[in-house]
Amino acid sequence: KERMAATGEMTVAARNQKIASEEDLDSFLEACVRL
C-alpha cells in the first residue's frame, strides 16, 4: 500500500483501501505475486 501511494502503480480502490477478511488479504497478496 505504501509503494502504491508513492508510485501510483496500482490502487486498492475496489476495496476502498480496506481488506475486510483474511481471505481478502490472501486474495490481494496472491494477485500481487502474480502481478
PDB file of all heavy atoms in Angstrom:
ATOM      1  N   LYS A   1       0.835  -1.210   0.000  1.00  0.00           N
ATOM      2  CA  LYS A   1       0.000   0.000   0.000  1.00  0.00           C
ATOM      3  C   LYS A   1       0.869   1.258   0.000  1.00  0.00           C
ATOM      4  O   LYS A   1       0.585   2.229  -0.702  1.00  0.00           O
ATOM      5  CB  LYS A   1      -0.927  -0.040   1.215  1.00  0.00           C
ATOM      6  CG  LYS A   1      -2.037   0.961   1.183  1.00  0.00           C
ATOM      7  CD  LYS A   1      -2.993   0.705   2.335  1.00  0.00           C
ATOM      8  CE  LYS A   1      -4.021   1.791   2.448  1.00  0.00           C
ATOM      9  NZ  LYS A   1      -4.938   1.607   3.554  1.00  0.00           N
ATOM     10  N   GLU A   2       1.949   1.231   0.777  1.00  0.00           N
ATOM     11  CA  GLU A   2       2.870   2.374   0.819  1.00  0.00           C
ATOM     12  C   GLU A   2       3.517   2.604  -0.549  1.00  0.00           C
ATOM     13  O   GLU A   2       3.633   3.732  -1.012  1.00  0.00           O
ATOM     14  CB  GLU A   2       3.945   2.113   1.878  1.00  0.00           C
ATOM     15  CG  GLU A   2       4.888   3.267   2.101  1.00  0.00           C
ATOM     16  CD  GLU A   2       5.878   2.967   3.215  1.00  0.00           C
ATOM     17  OE1 GLU A   2       5.457   2.485   4.287  1.00  0.00           O
ATOM     18  OE2 GLU A   2       7.075   3.219   3.010  1.00  0.00           O
ATOM     19  N   ARG A   3       3.918   1.510  -1.207  1.00  0.00           N
ATOM     20  CA  ARG A   3       4.509   1.650  -2.537  1.00  0.00           C
ATOM     21  C   ARG A   3       3.477   2.193  -3.526  1.00  0.00           C
ATOM     22  O   ARG A   3       3.793   3.019  -4.371  1.00  0.00           O
ATOM     23  CB  ARG A   3       5.040   0.325  -3.064  1.00  0.00           C
ATOM     24  CG  ARG A   3       5.494   0.494  -4.527  1.00  0.00           C
ATOM     25  CD  ARG A   3       6.070  -0.684  -5.170  1.00  0.00           C
ATOM     26  NE  ARG A   3       7.457  -0.817  -4.799  1.00  0.00           N
ATOM     27  CZ  ARG A   3       8.198  -1.840  -5.163  1.00  0.00           C
ATOM     28  NH1 ARG A   3       7.683  -2.803  -5.897  1.00  0.00           N
ATOM     29  NH2 ARG A   3       9.454  -1.916  -4.792  1.00  0.00           N
ATOM     30  N   MET A   4       2.234   1.710  -3.432  1.00  0.00           N
ATOM     31  CA  MET A   4       1.180   2.194  -4.329  1.00  0.00           C
ATOM     32  C   MET A   4       1.001   3.696  -4.168  1.00  0.00           C
ATOM     33  O   MET A   4       0.851   4.417  -5.153  1.00  0.00           O
ATOM     34  CB  MET A   4      -0.149   1.481  -4.045  1.00  0.00           C
ATOM     35  CG  MET A   4      -0.151   0.036  -4.461  1.00  0.00           C
ATOM     36  SD  MET A   4      -1.764  -0.766  -4.256  1.00  0.00           S
ATOM     37  CE  MET A   4      -2.083  -0.556  -2.527  1.00  0.00           C
ATOM     38  N   ALA A   5       1.026   4.168  -2.928  1.00  0.00           N
ATOM     39  CA  ALA A   5       0.857   5.594  -2.680  1.00  0.00           C
ATOM     40  C   ALA A   5       2.026   6.394  -3.248  1.00  0.00           C
ATOM     41  O   ALA A   5       1.846   7.482  -3.789  1.00  0.00           O
ATOM     42  CB  ALA A   5       0.721   5.854  -1.184  1.00  0.00           C
ATOM     43  N   ALA A   6       3.226   5.825  -3.154  1.00  0.00           N
ATOM     44  CA  ALA A   6       4.419   6.532  -3.616  1.00  0.00           C
ATOM     45  C   ALA A   6       4.560   6.523  -5.135  1.00  0.00           C
ATOM     46  O   ALA A   6       4.996   7.500  -5.732  1.00  0.00           O
ATOM     47  CB  ALA A   6       5.668   5.914  -2.979  1.00  0.00           C
ATOM     48  N   THR A   7       4.178   5.403  -5.765  1.00  0.00           N
ATOM     49  CA  THR A   7       4.425   5.265  -7.205  1.00  0.00           C
ATOM     50  C   THR A   7       3.181   5.417  -8.061  1.00  0.00           C
ATOM     51  O   THR A   7       3.283   5.695  -9.247  1.00  0.00           O
ATOM     52  CB  THR A   7       5.028   3.883  -7.524  1.00  0.00           C
ATOM     53  OG1 THR A   7       4.063   2.873  -7.183  1.00  0.00           O
ATOM     54  CG2 THR A   7       6.320   3.649  -6.764  1.00  0.00           C
ATOM     55  N   GLY A   8       1.999   5.201  -7.474  1.00  0.00           N
ATOM     56  CA  GLY A   8       0.765   5.257  -8.257  1.00  0.00           C
ATOM     57  C   GLY A   8       0.629   4.087  -9.208  1.00  0.00           C
ATOM     58  O   GLY A   8      -0.162   4.121 -10.147  1.00  0.00           O
ATOM     59  N   GLU A   9       1.405   2.997  -8.994  1.00  0.00           N
ATOM     60  CA  GLU A   9       1.374   1.839  -9.888  1.00  0.00           C
ATOM     61  C   GLU A   9      -0.002   1.193  -9.978  1.00  0.00           C
ATOM     62  O   GLU A   9      -0.419   0.758 -11.019  1.00  0.00           O
ATOM     63  CB  GLU A   9       2.371   0.769  -9.421  1.00  0.00           C
ATOM     64  CG  GLU A   9       3.804   1.119  -9.673  1.00  0.00           C
ATOM     65  CD  GLU A   9       4.741   0.060  -9.127  1.00  0.00           C
ATOM     66  OE1 GLU A   9       4.298  -0.869  -8.429  1.00  0.00           O
ATOM     67  OE2 GLU A   9       5.939   0.171  -9.420  1.00  0.00           O
ATOM     68  N   MET A  10      -0.672   1.102  -8.853  1.00  0.00           N
ATOM     69  CA  MET A  10      -1.991   0.480  -8.830  1.00  0.00           C
ATOM     70  C   MET A  10      -2.742   1.009  -7.625  1.00  0.00           C
ATOM     71  O   MET A  10      -2.179   1.696  -6.792  1.00  0.00           O
ATOM     72  CB  MET A  10      -1.893  -1.045  -8.793  1.00  0.00           C
ATOM     73  CG  MET A  10      -1.202  -1.599  -7.570  1.00  0.00           C
ATOM     74  SD  MET A  10      -1.027  -3.372  -7.565  1.00  0.00           S
ATOM     75  CE  MET A  10      -2.527  -3.879  -6.759  1.00  0.00           C
ATOM     76  N   THR A  11      -4.005   0.686  -7.554  1.00  0.00           N
ATOM     77  CA  THR A  11      -4.802   1.144  -6.425  1.00  0.00           C
ATOM     78  C   THR A  11      -5.563  -0.017  -5.822  1.00  0.00           C
ATOM     79  O   THR A  11      -5.686  -1.073  -6.428  1.00  0.00           O
ATOM     80  CB  THR A  11      -5.829   2.216  -6.839  1.00  0.00           C
ATOM     81  OG1 THR A  11      -6.793   1.610  -7.702  1.00  0.00           O
ATOM     82  CG2 THR A  11      -5.163   3.379  -7.526  1.00  0.00           C
ATOM     83  N   VAL A  12      -6.078   0.191  -4.636  1.00  0.00           N
ATOM     84  CA  VAL A  12      -6.942  -0.779  -3.987  1.00  0.00           C
ATOM     85  C   VAL A  12      -8.333  -0.154  -3.938  1.00  0.00           C
ATOM     86  O   VAL A  12      -9.116  -0.386  -3.031  1.00  0.00           O
ATOM     87  CB  VAL A  12      -6.446  -1.112  -2.562  1.00  0.00           C
ATOM     88  CG1 VAL A  12      -7.089  -2.401  -2.060  1.00  0.00           C
ATOM     89  CG2 VAL A  12      -4.950  -1.273  -2.509  1.00  0.00           C
ATOM     90  N   ALA A  13      -8.649   0.647  -4.948  1.00  0.00           N
ATOM     91  CA  ALA A  13      -9.894   1.414  -4.960  1.00  0.00           C
ATOM     92  C   ALA A  13     -11.120   0.520  -4.851  1.00  0.00           C
ATOM     93  O   ALA A  13     -12.092   0.881  -4.200  1.00  0.00           O
ATOM     94  CB  ALA A  13      -9.983   2.253  -6.227  1.00  0.00           C
ATOM     95  N   ALA A  14     -11.069  -0.631  -5.487  1.00  0.00           N
ATOM     96  CA  ALA A  14     -12.238  -1.508  -5.457  1.00  0.00           C
ATOM     97  C   ALA A  14     -12.553  -1.962  -4.041  1.00  0.00           C
ATOM     98  O   ALA A  14     -13.681  -2.293  -3.727  1.00  0.00           O
ATOM     99  CB  ALA A  14     -12.000  -2.720  -6.357  1.00  0.00           C
ATOM    100  N   ARG A  15     -11.567  -1.958  -3.183  1.00  0.00           N
ATOM    101  CA  ARG A  15     -11.777  -2.371  -1.797  1.00  0.00           C
ATOM    102  C   ARG A  15     -11.831  -1.165  -0.872  1.00  0.00           C
ATOM    103  O   ARG A  15     -11.766  -1.316   0.341  1.00  0.00           O
ATOM    104  CB  ARG A  15     -10.635  -3.280  -1.352  1.00  0.00           C
ATOM    105  CG  ARG A  15     -10.561  -4.563  -2.124  1.00  0.00           C
ATOM    106  CD  ARG A  15      -9.377  -5.370  -1.577  1.00  0.00           C
ATOM    107  NE  ARG A  15      -9.186  -6.583  -2.305  1.00  0.00           N
ATOM    108  CZ  ARG A  15      -9.856  -7.697  -2.099  1.00  0.00           C
ATOM    109  NH1 ARG A  15     -10.782  -7.739  -1.184  1.00  0.00           N
ATOM    110  NH2 ARG A  15      -9.624  -8.768  -2.805  1.00  0.00           N
ATOM    111  N   ASN A  16     -11.884   0.034  -1.425  1.00  0.00           N
ATOM    112  CA  ASN A  16     -11.890   1.263  -0.633  1.00  0.00           C
ATOM    113  C   ASN A  16     -10.707   1.299   0.324  1.00  0.00           C
ATOM    114  O   ASN A  16     -10.817   1.717   1.466  1.00  0.00           O
ATOM    115  CB  ASN A  16     -13.203   1.421   0.134  1.00  0.00           C
ATOM    116  CG  ASN A  16     -14.347   1.619  -0.806  1.00  0.00           C
ATOM    117  OD1 ASN A  16     -14.201   2.274  -1.824  1.00  0.00           O
ATOM    118  ND2 ASN A  16     -15.481   1.049  -0.481  1.00  0.00           N
ATOM    119  N   GLN A  17      -9.565   0.801  -0.150  1.00  0.00           N
ATOM    120  CA  GLN A  17      -8.321   0.795   0.628  1.00  0.00           C
ATOM    121  C   GLN A  17      -8.419  -0.073   1.879  1.00  0.00           C
ATOM    122  O   GLN A  17      -7.663   0.110   2.816  1.00  0.00           O
ATOM    123  CB  GLN A  17      -7.921   2.222   1.004  1.00  0.00           C
ATOM    124  CG  GLN A  17      -7.711   3.140  -0.160  1.00  0.00           C
ATOM    125  CD  GLN A  17      -6.393   2.915  -0.874  1.00  0.00           C
ATOM    126  OE1 GLN A  17      -5.425   2.473  -0.276  1.00  0.00           O
ATOM    127  NE2 GLN A  17      -6.343   3.200  -2.148  1.00  0.00           N
ATOM    128  N   LYS A  18      -9.359  -1.021   1.918  1.00  0.00           N
ATOM    129  CA  LYS A  18      -9.528  -1.856   3.102  1.00  0.00           C
ATOM    130  C   LYS A  18      -9.548  -3.329   2.711  1.00  0.00           C
ATOM    131  O   LYS A  18      -9.997  -3.699   1.648  1.00  0.00           O
ATOM    132  CB  LYS A  18     -10.826  -1.507   3.827  1.00  0.00           C
ATOM    133  CG  LYS A  18     -10.825  -0.118   4.409  1.00  0.00           C
ATOM    134  CD  LYS A  18     -12.135   0.200   5.075  1.00  0.00           C
ATOM    135  CE  LYS A  18     -12.098   1.637   5.560  1.00  0.00           C
ATOM    136  NZ  LYS A  18     -13.388   2.143   5.895  1.00  0.00           N
ATOM    137  N   ILE A  19      -9.100  -4.143   3.615  1.00  0.00           N
ATOM    138  CA  ILE A  19      -9.175  -5.589   3.484  1.00  0.00           C
ATOM    139  C   ILE A  19     -10.089  -6.056   4.612  1.00  0.00           C
ATOM    140  O   ILE A  19      -9.783  -5.863   5.788  1.00  0.00           O
ATOM    141  CB  ILE A  19      -7.772  -6.230   3.604  1.00  0.00           C
ATOM    142  CG1 ILE A  19      -6.846  -5.733   2.499  1.00  0.00           C
ATOM    143  CG2 ILE A  19      -7.882  -7.729   3.615  1.00  0.00           C
ATOM    144  CD1 ILE A  19      -7.206  -6.180   1.103  1.00  0.00           C
ATOM    145  N   ALA A  20     -11.218  -6.643   4.249  1.00  0.00           N
ATOM    146  CA  ALA A  20     -12.240  -6.972   5.234  1.00  0.00           C
ATOM    147  C   ALA A  20     -11.988  -8.290   5.969  1.00  0.00           C
ATOM    148  O   ALA A  20     -12.435  -8.471   7.091  1.00  0.00           O
ATOM    149  CB  ALA A  20     -13.612  -7.015   4.565  1.00  0.00           C
ATOM    150  N   SER A  21     -11.272  -9.215   5.323  1.00  0.00           N
ATOM    151  CA  SER A  21     -11.087 -10.520   5.954  1.00  0.00           C
ATOM    152  C   SER A  21      -9.726 -11.088   5.566  1.00  0.00           C
ATOM    153  O   SER A  21      -9.047 -10.573   4.679  1.00  0.00           O
ATOM    154  CB  SER A  21     -12.186 -11.484   5.496  1.00  0.00           C
ATOM    155  OG  SER A  21     -12.041 -11.752   4.108  1.00  0.00           O
ATOM    156  N   GLU A  22      -9.348 -12.183   6.215  1.00  0.00           N
ATOM    157  CA  GLU A  22      -8.085 -12.830   5.872  1.00  0.00           C
ATOM    158  C   GLU A  22      -8.130 -13.386   4.450  1.00  0.00           C
ATOM    159  O   GLU A  22      -7.138 -13.381   3.745  1.00  0.00           O
ATOM    160  CB  GLU A  22      -7.749 -13.937   6.873  1.00  0.00           C
ATOM    161  CG  GLU A  22      -6.362 -14.514   6.641  1.00  0.00           C
ATOM    162  CD  GLU A  22      -5.921 -15.532   7.687  1.00  0.00           C
ATOM    163  OE1 GLU A  22      -6.651 -15.744   8.683  1.00  0.00           O
ATOM    164  OE2 GLU A  22      -4.846 -16.109   7.488  1.00  0.00           O
ATOM    165  N   GLU A  23      -9.311 -13.820   4.019  1.00  0.00           N
ATOM    166  CA  GLU A  23      -9.446 -14.316   2.646  1.00  0.00           C
ATOM    167  C   GLU A  23      -9.192 -13.195   1.639  1.00  0.00           C
ATOM    168  O   GLU A  23      -8.546 -13.408   0.617  1.00  0.00           O
ATOM    169  CB  GLU A  23     -10.839 -14.923   2.419  1.00  0.00           C
ATOM    170  CG  GLU A  23     -11.089 -16.229   3.156  1.00  0.00           C
ATOM    171  CD  GLU A  23     -11.413 -16.028   4.647  1.00  0.00           C
ATOM    172  OE1 GLU A  23     -11.915 -14.950   5.035  1.00  0.00           O
ATOM    173  OE2 GLU A  23     -11.120 -16.943   5.430  1.00  0.00           O
ATOM    174  N   ASP A  24      -9.705 -11.992   1.940  1.00  0.00           N
ATOM    175  CA  ASP A  24      -9.440 -10.829   1.088  1.00  0.00           C
ATOM    176  C   ASP A  24      -7.937 -10.549   1.033  1.00  0.00           C
ATOM    177  O   ASP A  24      -7.383 -10.252  -0.022  1.00  0.00           O
ATOM    178  CB  ASP A  24     -10.142  -9.571   1.615  1.00  0.00           C
ATOM    179  CG  ASP A  24     -11.629  -9.550   1.355  1.00  0.00           C
ATOM    180  OD1 ASP A  24     -12.117 -10.402   0.579  1.00  0.00           O
ATOM    181  OD2 ASP A  24     -12.303  -8.675   1.926  1.00  0.00           O
ATOM    182  N   LEU A  25      -7.311 -10.615   2.189  1.00  0.00           N
ATOM    183  CA  LEU A  25      -5.876 -10.360   2.276  1.00  0.00           C
ATOM    184  C   LEU A  25      -5.105 -11.384   1.459  1.00  0.00           C
ATOM    185  O   LEU A  25      -4.215 -11.024   0.675  1.00  0.00           O
ATOM    186  CB  LEU A  25      -5.445 -10.381   3.740  1.00  0.00           C
ATOM    187  CG  LEU A  25      -4.017  -9.990   4.061  1.00  0.00           C
ATOM    188  CD1 LEU A  25      -3.698  -8.592   3.558  1.00  0.00           C
ATOM    189  CD2 LEU A  25      -3.784 -10.072   5.565  1.00  0.00           C
ATOM    190  N   ASP A  26      -5.460 -12.663   1.601  1.00  0.00           N
ATOM    191  CA  ASP A  26      -4.803 -13.717   0.815  1.00  0.00           C
ATOM    192  C   ASP A  26      -4.988 -13.488  -0.677  1.00  0.00           C
ATOM    193  O   ASP A  26      -4.037 -13.580  -1.458  1.00  0.00           O
ATOM    194  CB  ASP A  26      -5.357 -15.100   1.186  1.00  0.00           C
ATOM    195  CG  ASP A  26      -4.913 -15.569   2.570  1.00  0.00           C
ATOM    196  OD1 ASP A  26      -3.957 -14.980   3.127  1.00  0.00           O
ATOM    197  OD2 ASP A  26      -5.532 -16.518   3.091  1.00  0.00           O
ATOM    198  N   SER A  27      -6.211 -13.176  -1.078  1.00  0.00           N
ATOM    199  CA  SER A  27      -6.513 -12.943  -2.487  1.00  0.00           C
ATOM    200  C   SER A  27      -5.707 -11.772  -3.028  1.00  0.00           C
ATOM    201  O   SER A  27      -5.126 -11.834  -4.105  1.00  0.00           O
ATOM    202  CB  SER A  27      -8.014 -12.680  -2.645  1.00  0.00           C
ATOM    203  OG  SER A  27      -8.319 -12.353  -3.968  1.00  0.00           O
ATOM    204  N   PHE A  28      -5.659 -10.678  -2.262  1.00  0.00           N
ATOM    205  CA  PHE A  28      -4.913  -9.496  -2.692  1.00  0.00           C
ATOM    206  C   PHE A  28      -3.428  -9.816  -2.818  1.00  0.00           C
ATOM    207  O   PHE A  28      -2.786  -9.465  -3.810  1.00  0.00           O
ATOM    208  CB  PHE A  28      -5.125  -8.342  -1.703  1.00  0.00           C
ATOM    209  CG  PHE A  28      -4.338  -7.122  -2.062  1.00  0.00           C
ATOM    210  CD1 PHE A  28      -4.793  -6.258  -3.043  1.00  0.00           C
ATOM    211  CD2 PHE A  28      -3.128  -6.846  -1.445  1.00  0.00           C
ATOM    212  CE1 PHE A  28      -4.064  -5.136  -3.398  1.00  0.00           C
ATOM    213  CE2 PHE A  28      -2.393  -5.734  -1.794  1.00  0.00           C
ATOM    214  CZ  PHE A  28      -2.868  -4.881  -2.776  1.00  0.00           C
ATOM    215  N   LEU A  29      -2.857 -10.480  -1.817  1.00  0.00           N
ATOM    216  CA  LEU A  29      -1.426 -10.782  -1.847  1.00  0.00           C
ATOM    217  C   LEU A  29      -1.083 -11.766  -2.960  1.00  0.00           C
ATOM    218  O   LEU A  29      -0.043 -11.631  -3.615  1.00  0.00           O
ATOM    219  CB  LEU A  29      -0.963 -11.296  -0.485  1.00  0.00           C
ATOM    220  CG  LEU A  29      -1.049 -10.263   0.653  1.00  0.00           C
ATOM    221  CD1 LEU A  29      -0.659 -10.900   1.985  1.00  0.00           C
ATOM    222  CD2 LEU A  29      -0.215  -9.039   0.357  1.00  0.00           C
ATOM    223  N   GLU A  30      -1.954 -12.741  -3.218  1.00  0.00           N
ATOM    224  CA  GLU A  30      -1.733 -13.662  -4.333  1.00  0.00           C
ATOM    225  C   GLU A  30      -1.723 -12.897  -5.659  1.00  0.00           C
ATOM    226  O   GLU A  30      -0.905 -13.158  -6.529  1.00  0.00           O
ATOM    227  CB  GLU A  30      -2.803 -14.750  -4.357  1.00  0.00           C
ATOM    228  CG  GLU A  30      -2.633 -15.800  -3.282  1.00  0.00           C
ATOM    229  CD  GLU A  30      -3.772 -16.823  -3.289  1.00  0.00           C
ATOM    230  OE1 GLU A  30      -4.655 -16.751  -4.161  1.00  0.00           O
ATOM    231  OE2 GLU A  30      -3.764 -17.691  -2.413  1.00  0.00           O
ATOM    232  N   ALA A  31      -2.650 -11.962  -5.789  1.00  0.00           N
ATOM    233  CA  ALA A  31      -2.687 -11.151  -7.007  1.00  0.00           C
ATOM    234  C   ALA A  31      -1.410 -10.323  -7.136  1.00  0.00           C
ATOM    235  O   ALA A  31      -0.872 -10.173  -8.239  1.00  0.00           O
ATOM    236  CB  ALA A  31      -3.921 -10.248  -7.006  1.00  0.00           C
ATOM    237  N   CYS A  32      -0.921  -9.788  -6.036  1.00  0.00           N
ATOM    238  CA  CYS A  32       0.329  -9.008  -6.071  1.00  0.00           C
ATOM    239  C   CYS A  32       1.511  -9.874  -6.503  1.00  0.00           C
ATOM    240  O   CYS A  32       2.394  -9.397  -7.231  1.00  0.00           O
ATOM    241  CB  CYS A  32       0.604  -8.381  -4.706  1.00  0.00           C
ATOM    242  SG  CYS A  32      -0.500  -7.009  -4.311  1.00  0.00           S
ATOM    243  N   VAL A  33       1.528 -11.137  -6.067  1.00  0.00           N
ATOM    244  CA  VAL A  33       2.577 -12.061  -6.513  1.00  0.00           C
ATOM    245  C   VAL A  33       2.464 -12.268  -8.018  1.00  0.00           C
ATOM    246  O   VAL A  33       3.450 -12.174  -8.754  1.00  0.00           O
ATOM    247  CB  VAL A  33       2.492 -13.417  -5.769  1.00  0.00           C
ATOM    248  CG1 VAL A  33       3.393 -14.456  -6.420  1.00  0.00           C
ATOM    249  CG2 VAL A  33       2.837 -13.237  -4.297  1.00  0.00           C
ATOM    250  N   ARG A  34       1.241 -12.525  -8.501  1.00  0.00           N
ATOM    251  CA  ARG A  34       1.013 -12.756  -9.932  1.00  0.00           C
ATOM    252  C   ARG A  34       1.358 -11.529 -10.775  1.00  0.00           C
ATOM    253  O   ARG A  34       1.821 -11.662 -11.890  1.00  0.00           O
ATOM    254  CB  ARG A  34      -0.431 -13.157 -10.195  1.00  0.00           C
ATOM    255  CG  ARG A  34      -0.818 -14.457  -9.563  1.00  0.00           C
ATOM    256  CD  ARG A  34      -0.201 -15.590 -10.303  1.00  0.00           C
ATOM    257  NE  ARG A  34      -0.596 -16.830  -9.669  1.00  0.00           N
ATOM    258  CZ  ARG A  34       0.048 -17.950  -9.827  1.00  0.00           C
ATOM    259  NH1 ARG A  34       1.089 -18.006 -10.605  1.00  0.00           N
ATOM    260  NH2 ARG A  34      -0.358 -19.042  -9.211  1.00  0.00           N
ATOM    261  N   LEU A  35       1.115 -10.343 -10.226  1.00  0.00           N
ATOM    262  CA  LEU A  35       1.419  -9.105 -10.952  1.00  0.00           C
ATOM    263  C   LEU A  35       2.906  -8.755 -10.879  1.00  0.00           C
ATOM    264  O   LEU A  35       3.357  -7.831 -11.544  1.00  0.00           O
ATOM    265  CB  LEU A  35       0.598  -7.940 -10.397  1.00  0.00           C
ATOM    266  CG  LEU A  35      -0.893  -7.990 -10.697  1.00  0.00           C
ATOM    267  CD1 LEU A  35      -1.628  -6.947  -9.863  1.00  0.00           C
ATOM    268  CD2 LEU A  35      -1.145  -7.755 -12.170  1.00  0.00           C
TER     269      LEU A  35
END
